[in-house]
Each structure stands twice: as structure tokens, then as C-alpha cells.
Amino acid sequence: MLINSPNNLLGKIVITYRIVISITNFILIISLAIVFAIGFYVIPSAYAENTISVNSLKQFYDFDDEIYVSGHVNFKNDQAIGLGIGPGYSATIHVYDDKRDRLLFTSSQSLDDDNTFSFVIPPGKFKEKDRYSISIFYGPPKENFRNTSFAGSADLFVGISVSEYKKQIEEKQRQIEEQQRQATLAESQKTTPKNTFKSNDNSWIIVIIGIVIGFAIMMKFRRKNNDSRHYRPHRHEYYDDDDDDDYDDDDYDDDDEFYDDDDIKEFERFKRRI
């Protein structure tokens, strides 16, 4: 049959390969279309103008100063950019104490005809030299809009300039790093075994000297014992006449380990000559 022939099998493989390639190309085209669509809508909004612009503030304010905060809401096609709501809503200002995450001041007002606003923060609202944060909302104020493109934001320095504030932050950061370093050092000293001998304690020298002297004495006695154990008189060693009485022929057996008969006879002849 032709179904199982090599040519028919090769044709099926080629057709399958073409189908797979076609499906892959289709998926790739769809993916590129989706990416393009996402980019068309997301990328422009990412680089779009913020909803609210806040005019620059002074470098710092005194505690008894009235602080003016002004700016404008950006509209396009009669809708606030990013929010999608039209004119007629109020602008709201929030002033926060960032250290304590506390709202210190709030106020709302309608926009002027040119979509601008101007708020006045009265004296006595601030008690410490510090940096405070300002957020301006258009429409219903939403806390989750803080520090986003949907709300205006600015830093407010009271009783301290920007440069002095930066110096304080750097000094605090240095102190924190030093405390962390000291804590790490103290922890490492706890885990490290303490040295038994102090640097000014010389008792270890006396201990070592005693060990050396004791070892030397032990080796000396051991060597002396070894010498006395292995010592035997040489056959040519001289003896005094008084010592002759201390030695008998009976002291030397035929089976002596160190002297044979010839050695004994020679030694007797040597004694007679003397």
C-alpha cells in the first residue's frame, strides 16, 4: 500500500512542519499586536503631564510666616489629565508631618477661571524645624493618590533650610551606620572565644619553661638507664689488683653470652704479665 511508503511519509512530515510554522507565525503576529496596543495606551500616559502642577516654594519659612501654596490643574478636552473629570470640582490641600504620618492642615477651594488655586497656611501650624510634605488633590481627595501623577506635591521646610536639612539627614544616617557597626562588632566579640592569656600576662612563659625542664630531666634519666642496662666490661679493660679478688673463674660460665674460652685464657695471661 502507498500509505506507508517513504514518499508518502515524507510528505506528511513536510505538511505538519508547514502547519506548525504557520501557527507559530500567527501567534507571533497576535503577540506583537497586543504589545503595540498596550504601548499605545500605557506609554503616552506614563509620559503625560501631571494632573496638578504646584509652583515652587521658598527655601524655608519661619514659624510665624504665612505660607502661600499656588498652582493649577491641567485640563485637556475639558477633562483633568489622568482623572477624566471635568471642571467644577474643588482643589484640596493636605499638609503632613512625615515623621509621625499625621495630617497637620487641610483646606479646600474652588478653582479660579484659569484653573488655578492659591492656599494660605496660617502661622502656628508647625512646632519643629523639619521638612513637611504638601499634597494637592482635584476632586475628592484620595490618600492613595499621594506622591503620584494624579496629585500635586511639594516639600515644605519650616525653621530649617534645604541644605541644613540635608546635613541633618546625612549626620543621622552616619550615626545609624555607626550604631550598626558597633552592634555588629559587639556581636562578633560575643561569638569569638576569649584568649586565655592576656597580653601582659607572662605566666605562660613559666609554664613552657617548666615543661621543657621536666622533659630534659626525663630524657636524661632515661638515657642513663639505657646506658646502665646495655653496659658490659670490655675484655681489654684494666683492673686493679684489689679488683682481682672480686672476680672468679666461676663468674664466667662456658655459656657466657659475651666471652668465649679463648677470650678468658687470653685475659688470664694478660693478668699474669702484669
C-alpha atoms as a PDB file:
ATOM      1  CA  MET A   1       0.000   0.000   0.000  1.00  0.00           C
ATOM      2  CA  LEU A   2       1.116   3.620  -0.631  1.00  0.00           C
ATOM      3  CA  ILE A   3       0.144   4.879   2.782  1.00  0.00           C
ATOM      4  CA  ASN A   4       3.272   3.521   4.437  1.00  0.00           C
ATOM      5  CA  SER A   5       5.591   4.316   1.560  1.00  0.00           C
ATOM      6  CA  PRO A   6       8.612   6.543   2.282  1.00  0.00           C
ATOM      7  CA  ASN A   7       7.488   9.282  -0.114  1.00  0.00           C
ATOM      8  CA  ASN A   8       4.022   9.498   1.469  1.00  0.00           C
ATOM      9  CA  LEU A   9       5.525   9.651   4.985  1.00  0.00           C
ATOM     10  CA  LEU A  10       7.923  12.417   3.973  1.00  0.00           C
ATOM     11  CA  GLY A  11       5.040  14.415   2.525  1.00  0.00           C
ATOM     12  CA  LYS A  12       3.129  14.178   5.808  1.00  0.00           C
ATOM     13  CA  ILE A  13       6.168  15.435   7.705  1.00  0.00           C
ATOM     14  CA  VAL A  14       6.524  18.422   5.400  1.00  0.00           C
ATOM     15  CA  ILE A  15       2.834  19.312   5.709  1.00  0.00           C
ATOM     16  CA  THR A  16       2.991  19.048   9.513  1.00  0.00           C
ATOM     17  CA  TYR A  17       6.074  21.277   9.585  1.00  0.00           C
ATOM     18  CA  ARG A  18       4.342  23.931   7.478  1.00  0.00           C
ATOM     19  CA  ILE A  19       1.285  23.868   9.749  1.00  0.00           C
ATOM     20  CA  VAL A  20       3.466  24.344  12.849  1.00  0.00           C
ATOM     21  CA  ILE A  21       5.312  27.255  11.218  1.00  0.00           C
ATOM     22  CA  SER A  22       2.028  28.893  10.247  1.00  0.00           C
ATOM     23  CA  ILE A  23       0.619  28.600  13.771  1.00  0.00           C
ATOM     24  CA  THR A  24       3.824  29.992  15.242  1.00  0.00           C
ATOM     25  CA  ASN A  25       3.776  32.981  12.902  1.00  0.00           C
ATOM     26  CA  PHE A  26       0.124  33.653  13.735  1.00  0.00           C
ATOM     27  CA  ILE A  27       0.838  33.611  17.490  1.00  0.00           C
ATOM     28  CA  LEU A  28       3.803  35.925  16.970  1.00  0.00           C
ATOM     29  CA  ILE A  29       1.698  38.417  14.995  1.00  0.00           C
ATOM     30  CA  ILE A  30      -1.024  38.415  17.665  1.00  0.00           C
ATOM     31  CA  SER A  31       1.574  38.949  20.425  1.00  0.00           C
ATOM     32  CA  LEU A  32       3.119  41.896  18.600  1.00  0.00           C
ATOM     33  CA  ALA A  33      -0.331  43.415  18.109  1.00  0.00           C
ATOM     34  CA  ILE A  34      -1.097  43.122  21.834  1.00  0.00           C
ATOM     35  CA  VAL A  35       2.245  44.668  22.807  1.00  0.00           C
ATOM     36  CA  PHE A  36       1.688  47.526  20.373  1.00  0.00           C
ATOM     37  CA  ALA A  37      -1.779  48.170  21.758  1.00  0.00           C
ATOM     38  CA  ILE A  38      -0.528  48.213  25.339  1.00  0.00           C
ATOM     39  CA  GLY A  39       2.303  50.536  24.408  1.00  0.00           C
ATOM     40  CA  PHE A  40      -0.079  52.848  22.554  1.00  0.00           C
ATOM     41  CA  TYR A  41      -2.202  53.374  25.665  1.00  0.00           C
ATOM     42  CA  VAL A  42       0.288  52.988  28.512  1.00  0.00           C
ATOM     43  CA  ILE A  43       3.432  54.716  27.290  1.00  0.00           C
ATOM     44  CA  PRO A  44       1.792  58.066  26.481  1.00  0.00           C
ATOM     45  CA  SER A  45       0.075  58.155  29.885  1.00  0.00           C
ATOM     46  CA  ALA A  46       3.389  57.432  31.594  1.00  0.00           C
ATOM     47  CA  TYR A  47       4.956  60.480  29.973  1.00  0.00           C
ATOM     48  CA  ALA A  48       1.815  62.580  30.158  1.00  0.00           C
ATOM     49  CA  GLU A  49       1.624  65.825  32.094  1.00  0.00           C
ATOM     50  CA  ASN A  50       0.763  65.586  35.771  1.00  0.00           C
ATOM     51  CA  THR A  51      -2.782  66.371  36.777  1.00  0.00           C
ATOM     52  CA  ILE A  52      -1.751  69.209  39.114  1.00  0.00           C
ATOM     53  CA  SER A  53       1.281  71.482  38.981  1.00  0.00           C
ATOM     54  CA  VAL A  54       2.488  73.224  42.170  1.00  0.00           C
ATOM     55  CA  ASN A  55       4.521  76.420  41.938  1.00  0.00           C
ATOM     56  CA  SER A  56       7.926  76.486  43.602  1.00  0.00           C
ATOM     57  CA  LEU A  57       8.093  77.366  47.282  1.00  0.00           C
ATOM     58  CA  LYS A  58      10.724  79.311  49.222  1.00  0.00           C
ATOM     59  CA  GLN A  59      13.836  77.556  50.500  1.00  0.00           C
ATOM     60  CA  PHE A  60      12.495  77.760  54.049  1.00  0.00           C
ATOM     61  CA  TYR A  61       9.875  79.535  56.177  1.00  0.00           C
ATOM     62  CA  ASP A  62       9.846  80.832  59.727  1.00  0.00           C
ATOM     63  CA  PHE A  63       7.313  79.613  62.238  1.00  0.00           C
ATOM     64  CA  ASP A  64       5.401  82.916  62.160  1.00  0.00           C
ATOM     65  CA  ASP A  65       5.238  83.146  58.340  1.00  0.00           C
ATOM     66  CA  GLU A  66       2.094  82.818  56.267  1.00  0.00           C
ATOM     67  CA  ILE A  67       2.840  80.207  53.651  1.00  0.00           C
ATOM     68  CA  TYR A  68       1.299  80.578  50.205  1.00  0.00           C
ATOM     69  CA  VAL A  69       0.889  77.495  48.054  1.00  0.00           C
ATOM     70  CA  SER A  70      -0.310  78.051  44.495  1.00  0.00           C
ATOM     71  CA  GLY A  71      -0.577  76.121  41.256  1.00  0.00           C
ATOM     72  CA  HIS A  72      -3.008  74.988  38.589  1.00  0.00           C
ATOM     73  CA  VAL A  73      -4.910  71.925  37.397  1.00  0.00           C
ATOM     74  CA  ASN A  74      -4.110  70.697  33.894  1.00  0.00           C
ATOM     75  CA  PHE A  75      -7.063  70.066  31.615  1.00  0.00           C
ATOM     76  CA  LYS A  76      -7.302  68.545  28.162  1.00  0.00           C
ATOM     77  CA  ASN A  77     -10.586  68.440  26.243  1.00  0.00           C
ATOM     78  CA  ASP A  78     -12.346  69.801  29.346  1.00  0.00           C
ATOM     79  CA  GLN A  79     -11.130  66.906  31.468  1.00  0.00           C
ATOM     80  CA  ALA A  80      -8.465  66.874  34.174  1.00  0.00           C
ATOM     81  CA  ILE A  81      -5.496  64.975  32.785  1.00  0.00           C
ATOM     82  CA  GLY A  82      -5.308  61.463  34.210  1.00  0.00           C
ATOM     83  CA  LEU A  83      -8.527  61.799  36.213  1.00  0.00           C
ATOM     84  CA  GLY A  84     -11.102  62.067  33.447  1.00  0.00           C
ATOM     85  CA  ILE A  85     -13.312  64.529  35.378  1.00  0.00           C
ATOM     86  CA  GLY A  86     -14.412  67.936  34.114  1.00  0.00           C
ATOM     87  CA  PRO A  87     -14.442  71.436  35.623  1.00  0.00           C
ATOM     88  CA  GLY A  88     -16.424  72.360  38.703  1.00  0.00           C
ATOM     89  CA  TYR A  89     -14.614  70.314  41.333  1.00  0.00           C
ATOM     90  CA  SER A  90     -12.666  71.781  44.237  1.00  0.00           C
ATOM     91  CA  ALA A  91      -8.938  71.602  44.914  1.00  0.00           C
ATOM     92  CA  THR A  92      -7.851  70.367  48.333  1.00  0.00           C
ATOM     93  CA  ILE A  93      -4.529  70.819  50.126  1.00  0.00           C
ATOM     94  CA  HIS A  94      -3.140  68.392  52.724  1.00  0.00           C
ATOM     95  CA  VAL A  95      -0.038  69.163  54.779  1.00  0.00           C
ATOM     96  CA  TYR A  96       1.589  66.177  56.505  1.00  0.00           C
ATOM     97  CA  ASP A  97       4.089  65.630  59.274  1.00  0.00           C
ATOM     98  CA  ASP A  98       6.039  62.791  57.672  1.00  0.00           C
ATOM     99  CA  LYS A  99       7.802  61.723  60.875  1.00  0.00           C
ATOM    100  CA  ARG A 100       4.542  60.984  62.630  1.00  0.00           C
ATOM    101  CA  ASP A 101       2.499  60.361  59.464  1.00  0.00           C
ATOM    102  CA  ARG A 102      -0.018  62.917  60.700  1.00  0.00           C
ATOM    103  CA  LEU A 103      -2.214  65.393  58.837  1.00  0.00           C
ATOM    104  CA  LEU A 104      -1.457  68.900  60.138  1.00  0.00           C
ATOM    105  CA  PHE A 105      -3.537  71.130  57.879  1.00  0.00           C
ATOM    106  CA  THR A 106      -6.217  70.829  55.209  1.00  0.00           C
ATOM    107  CA  SER A 107      -8.290  73.265  53.174  1.00  0.00           C
ATOM    108  CA  SER A 108     -10.426  73.224  50.020  1.00  0.00           C
ATOM    109  CA  GLN A 109     -11.377  75.874  47.463  1.00  0.00           C
ATOM    110  CA  SER A 110     -12.868  76.188  44.014  1.00  0.00           C
ATOM    111  CA  LEU A 111     -10.595  76.795  41.065  1.00  0.00           C
ATOM    112  CA  ASP A 112     -10.300  80.215  39.504  1.00  0.00           C
ATOM    113  CA  ASP A 113     -11.405  80.774  35.929  1.00  0.00           C
ATOM    114  CA  ASP A 114      -7.937  79.923  34.649  1.00  0.00           C
ATOM    115  CA  ASN A 115      -7.976  76.642  36.644  1.00  0.00           C
ATOM    116  CA  THR A 116      -5.538  77.990  39.229  1.00  0.00           C
ATOM    117  CA  PHE A 117      -5.614  77.769  43.027  1.00  0.00           C
ATOM    118  CA  SER A 118      -3.905  79.558  45.922  1.00  0.00           C
ATOM    119  CA  PHE A 119      -3.884  78.333  49.512  1.00  0.00           C
ATOM    120  CA  VAL A 120      -2.647  80.100  52.643  1.00  0.00           C
ATOM    121  CA  ILE A 121      -1.233  78.107  55.566  1.00  0.00           C
ATOM    122  CA  PRO A 122      -1.590  80.308  58.677  1.00  0.00           C
ATOM    123  CA  PRO A 123       1.206  80.707  61.254  1.00  0.00           C
ATOM    124  CA  GLY A 124       1.400  78.379  64.230  1.00  0.00           C
ATOM    125  CA  LYS A 125       0.750  75.144  62.362  1.00  0.00           C
ATOM    126  CA  PHE A 126       4.331  73.923  62.750  1.00  0.00           C
ATOM    127  CA  LYS A 127       6.205  73.361  66.005  1.00  0.00           C
ATOM    128  CA  GLU A 128       9.501  71.793  64.906  1.00  0.00           C
ATOM    129  CA  LYS A 129      12.272  72.602  62.494  1.00  0.00           C
ATOM    130  CA  ASP A 130      11.686  70.000  59.846  1.00  0.00           C
ATOM    131  CA  ARG A 131      10.578  69.101  56.353  1.00  0.00           C
ATOM    132  CA  TYR A 132       6.847  68.739  55.766  1.00  0.00           C
ATOM    133  CA  SER A 133       5.077  67.432  52.696  1.00  0.00           C
ATOM    134  CA  ILE A 134       2.236  69.031  50.749  1.00  0.00           C
ATOM    135  CA  SER A 135      -0.277  67.233  48.520  1.00  0.00           C
ATOM    136  CA  ILE A 136      -2.871  68.937  46.302  1.00  0.00           C
ATOM    137  CA  PHE A 137      -5.886  66.970  45.040  1.00  0.00           C
ATOM    138  CA  TYR A 138      -8.502  67.841  42.439  1.00  0.00           C
ATOM    139  CA  GLY A 139     -11.911  66.388  43.064  1.00  0.00           C
ATOM    140  CA  PRO A 140     -12.436  64.034  46.004  1.00  0.00           C
ATOM    141  CA  PRO A 141      -9.070  63.768  47.833  1.00  0.00           C
ATOM    142  CA  LYS A 142      -7.760  60.225  47.825  1.00  0.00           C
ATOM    143  CA  GLU A 143      -4.848  59.263  50.021  1.00  0.00           C
ATOM    144  CA  ASN A 144      -3.672  56.649  47.541  1.00  0.00           C
ATOM    145  CA  PHE A 145      -3.080  59.489  45.044  1.00  0.00           C
ATOM    146  CA  ARG A 146      -0.309  60.926  47.240  1.00  0.00           C
ATOM    147  CA  ASN A 147       3.076  61.066  45.501  1.00  0.00           C
ATOM    148  CA  THR A 148       1.525  60.051  42.164  1.00  0.00           C
ATOM    149  CA  SER A 149       0.941  61.902  38.900  1.00  0.00           C
ATOM    150  CA  PHE A 150      -2.731  62.378  39.878  1.00  0.00           C
ATOM    151  CA  ALA A 151      -1.899  64.810  42.712  1.00  0.00           C
ATOM    152  CA  GLY A 152       0.410  67.782  43.100  1.00  0.00           C
ATOM    153  CA  SER A 153       3.203  67.534  45.661  1.00  0.00           C
ATOM    154  CA  ALA A 154       5.869  69.762  47.209  1.00  0.00           C
ATOM    155  CA  ASP A 155       8.302  69.791  50.132  1.00  0.00           C
ATOM    156  CA  LEU A 156       7.895  72.489  52.767  1.00  0.00           C
ATOM    157  CA  PHE A 157      10.844  73.440  55.012  1.00  0.00           C
ATOM    158  CA  VAL A 158       9.981  75.286  58.217  1.00  0.00           C
ATOM    159  CA  GLY A 159      12.638  76.677  60.554  1.00  0.00           C
ATOM    160  CA  ILE A 160      15.399  74.994  58.561  1.00  0.00           C
ATOM    161  CA  SER A 161      16.837  75.411  55.070  1.00  0.00           C
ATOM    162  CA  VAL A 162      17.136  72.706  52.473  1.00  0.00           C
ATOM    163  CA  SER A 163      20.924  72.471  52.845  1.00  0.00           C
ATOM    164  CA  GLU A 164      20.756  72.279  56.657  1.00  0.00           C
ATOM    165  CA  TYR A 165      18.101  69.618  56.440  1.00  0.00           C
ATOM    166  CA  LYS A 166      20.265  67.535  54.086  1.00  0.00           C
ATOM    167  CA  LYS A 167      23.195  67.845  56.504  1.00  0.00           C
ATOM    168  CA  GLN A 168      20.999  66.619  59.361  1.00  0.00           C
ATOM    169  CA  ILE A 169      19.850  63.647  57.299  1.00  0.00           C
ATOM    170  CA  GLU A 170      23.424  62.765  56.397  1.00  0.00           C
ATOM    171  CA  GLU A 171      24.509  63.036  60.048  1.00  0.00           C
ATOM    172  CA  LYS A 172      21.631  60.834  61.202  1.00  0.00           C
ATOM    173  CA  GLN A 173      22.470  58.317  58.533  1.00  0.00           C
ATOM    174  CA  ARG A 174      26.106  58.316  59.656  1.00  0.00           C
ATOM    175  CA  GLN A 175      25.028  57.768  63.283  1.00  0.00           C
ATOM    176  CA  ILE A 176      22.783  54.887  62.271  1.00  0.00           C
ATOM    177  CA  GLU A 177      25.608  53.266  60.307  1.00  0.00           C
ATOM    178  CA  GLU A 178      27.974  53.724  63.270  1.00  0.00           C
ATOM    179  CA  GLN A 179      25.456  52.139  65.641  1.00  0.00           C
ATOM    180  CA  GLN A 180      25.032  49.220  63.269  1.00  0.00           C
ATOM    181  CA  ARG A 181      28.801  48.827  63.047  1.00  0.00           C
ATOM    182  CA  GLN A 182      29.161  48.883  66.849  1.00  0.00           C
ATOM    183  CA  ALA A 183      26.339  46.353  67.210  1.00  0.00           C
ATOM    184  CA  THR A 184      27.971  44.060  64.655  1.00  0.00           C
ATOM    185  CA  LEU A 185      31.330  44.372  66.426  1.00  0.00           C
ATOM    186  CA  ALA A 186      29.792  43.616  69.827  1.00  0.00           C
ATOM    187  CA  GLU A 187      28.000  40.577  68.405  1.00  0.00           C
ATOM    188  CA  SER A 188      31.206  39.264  66.851  1.00  0.00           C
ATOM    189  CA  GLN A 189      33.056  39.684  70.173  1.00  0.00           C
ATOM    190  CA  LYS A 190      30.376  37.623  71.913  1.00  0.00           C
ATOM    191  CA  THR A 191      30.760  34.764  69.469  1.00  0.00           C
ATOM    192  CA  THR A 192      34.599  34.877  69.359  1.00  0.00           C
ATOM    193  CA  PRO A 193      36.309  32.766  72.097  1.00  0.00           C
ATOM    194  CA  LYS A 194      38.245  34.866  74.565  1.00  0.00           C
ATOM    195  CA  ASN A 195      42.022  34.413  74.753  1.00  0.00           C
ATOM    196  CA  THR A 196      43.050  32.572  77.912  1.00  0.00           C
ATOM    197  CA  PHE A 197      46.285  34.535  78.287  1.00  0.00           C
ATOM    198  CA  LYS A 198      46.265  38.286  78.464  1.00  0.00           C
ATOM    199  CA  SER A 199      48.821  40.278  76.526  1.00  0.00           C
ATOM    200  CA  ASN A 200      50.536  41.429  79.756  1.00  0.00           C
ATOM    201  CA  ASP A 201      50.374  38.010  81.477  1.00  0.00           C
ATOM    202  CA  ASN A 202      53.759  36.191  81.366  1.00  0.00           C
ATOM    203  CA  SER A 203      52.684  33.132  83.338  1.00  0.00           C
ATOM    204  CA  TRP A 204      52.519  31.081  80.151  1.00  0.00           C
ATOM    205  CA  ILE A 205      56.299  31.542  79.734  1.00  0.00           C
ATOM    206  CA  ILE A 206      56.912  29.955  83.152  1.00  0.00           C
ATOM    207  CA  VAL A 207      54.650  27.053  82.252  1.00  0.00           C
ATOM    208  CA  ILE A 208      56.525  26.427  78.999  1.00  0.00           C
ATOM    209  CA  ILE A 209      59.934  26.627  80.740  1.00  0.00           C
ATOM    210  CA  GLY A 210      58.780  24.109  83.377  1.00  0.00           C
ATOM    211  CA  ILE A 211      57.596  21.720  80.655  1.00  0.00           C
ATOM    212  CA  VAL A 212      60.949  21.970  78.829  1.00  0.00           C
ATOM    213  CA  ILE A 213      62.988  21.389  82.029  1.00  0.00           C
ATOM    214  CA  GLY A 214      60.848  18.437  83.042  1.00  0.00           C
ATOM    215  CA  PHE A 215      61.194  16.919  79.589  1.00  0.00           C
ATOM    216  CA  ALA A 216      65.000  17.372  79.689  1.00  0.00           C
ATOM    217  CA  ILE A 217      65.276  15.689  83.105  1.00  0.00           C
ATOM    218  CA  MET A 218      63.126  12.798  81.985  1.00  0.00           C
ATOM    219  CA  MET A 219      65.250  12.252  78.877  1.00  0.00           C
ATOM    220  CA  LYS A 220      68.461  12.368  80.952  1.00  0.00           C
ATOM    221  CA  PHE A 221      67.287   9.654  83.392  1.00  0.00           C
ATOM    222  CA  ARG A 222      66.003   7.549  80.543  1.00  0.00           C
ATOM    223  CA  ARG A 223      69.361   7.750  78.755  1.00  0.00           C
ATOM    224  CA  LYS A 224      71.226   6.859  81.969  1.00  0.00           C
ATOM    225  CA  ASN A 225      69.026   3.800  82.497  1.00  0.00           C
ATOM    226  CA  ASN A 226      69.600   2.705  78.933  1.00  0.00           C
ATOM    227  CA  ASP A 227      73.398   3.046  79.301  1.00  0.00           C
ATOM    228  CA  SER A 228      73.492   1.040  82.551  1.00  0.00           C
ATOM    229  CA  ARG A 229      71.274  -1.645  81.048  1.00  0.00           C
ATOM    230  CA  HIS A 230      73.458  -2.192  77.980  1.00  0.00           C
ATOM    231  CA  TYR A 231      76.909  -1.680  79.616  1.00  0.00           C
ATOM    232  CA  ARG A 232      79.334  -4.724  79.666  1.00  0.00           C
ATOM    233  CA  PRO A 233      83.091  -4.583  80.600  1.00  0.00           C
ATOM    234  CA  HIS A 234      85.399  -4.801  77.572  1.00  0.00           C
ATOM    235  CA  ARG A 235      87.798  -7.691  77.524  1.00  0.00           C
ATOM    236  CA  HIS A 236      90.806  -5.322  77.327  1.00  0.00           C
ATOM    237  CA  GLU A 237      89.665  -3.136  80.225  1.00  0.00           C
ATOM    238  CA  TYR A 238      92.267  -2.766  83.001  1.00  0.00           C
ATOM    239  CA  TYR A 239      91.567  -3.735  86.612  1.00  0.00           C
ATOM    240  CA  ASP A 240      93.377  -3.012  89.824  1.00  0.00           C
ATOM    241  CA  ASP A 241      94.829  -5.796  91.965  1.00  0.00           C
ATOM    242  CA  ASP A 242      92.161  -5.161  94.555  1.00  0.00           C
ATOM    243  CA  ASP A 243      89.535  -5.772  91.973  1.00  0.00           C
ATOM    244  CA  ASP A 244      91.034  -9.147  91.015  1.00  0.00           C
ATOM    245  CA  ASP A 245      89.689 -10.702  94.173  1.00  0.00           C
ATOM    246  CA  ASP A 246      86.209  -9.717  93.139  1.00  0.00           C
ATOM    247  CA  TYR A 247      86.291 -11.795  90.013  1.00  0.00           C
ATOM    248  CA  ASP A 248      86.453 -15.620  89.908  1.00  0.00           C
ATOM    249  CA  ASP A 249      86.670 -18.040  87.186  1.00  0.00           C
ATOM    250  CA  ASP A 250      83.372 -19.304  88.441  1.00  0.00           C
ATOM    251  CA  ASP A 251      81.859 -15.983  87.431  1.00  0.00           C
ATOM    252  CA  TYR A 252      82.328 -16.890  83.809  1.00  0.00           C
ATOM    253  CA  ASP A 253      80.344 -19.786  82.546  1.00  0.00           C
ATOM    254  CA  ASP A 254      81.093 -21.762  79.484  1.00  0.00           C
ATOM    255  CA  ASP A 255      77.895 -20.439  78.056  1.00  0.00           C
ATOM    256  CA  ASP A 256      78.736 -16.758  78.753  1.00  0.00           C
ATOM    257  CA  GLU A 257      76.905 -14.542  76.394  1.00  0.00           C
ATOM    258  CA  PHE A 258      79.798 -12.111  75.844  1.00  0.00           C
ATOM    259  CA  TYR A 259      83.102 -14.114  76.276  1.00  0.00           C
ATOM    260  CA  ASP A 260      84.277 -17.453  74.939  1.00  0.00           C
ATOM    261  CA  ASP A 261      87.145 -19.692  76.244  1.00  0.00           C
ATOM    262  CA  ASP A 262      89.849 -18.086  74.138  1.00  0.00           C
ATOM    263  CA  ASP A 263      88.972 -14.671  75.474  1.00  0.00           C
ATOM    264  CA  ILE A 264      89.189 -15.896  79.077  1.00  0.00           C
ATOM    265  CA  LYS A 265      92.603 -17.565  78.561  1.00  0.00           C
ATOM    266  CA  GLU A 266      94.000 -14.508  76.900  1.00  0.00           C
ATOM    267  CA  PHE A 267      92.728 -12.363  79.733  1.00  0.00           C
ATOM    268  CA  GLU A 268      94.431 -14.692  82.339  1.00  0.00           C
ATOM    269  CA  ARG A 269      97.756 -14.468  80.500  1.00  0.00           C
ATOM    270  CA  PHE A 270      97.424 -10.702  80.414  1.00  0.00           C
ATOM    271  CA  LYS A 271      96.872 -10.635  84.177  1.00  0.00           C
ATOM    272  CA  ARG A 272      99.993 -12.738  84.853  1.00  0.00           C
ATOM    273  CA  ARG A 273     102.132 -10.433  82.784  1.00  0.00           C
ATOM    274  CA  ILE A 274     101.010  -7.527  84.857  1.00  0.00           C
END
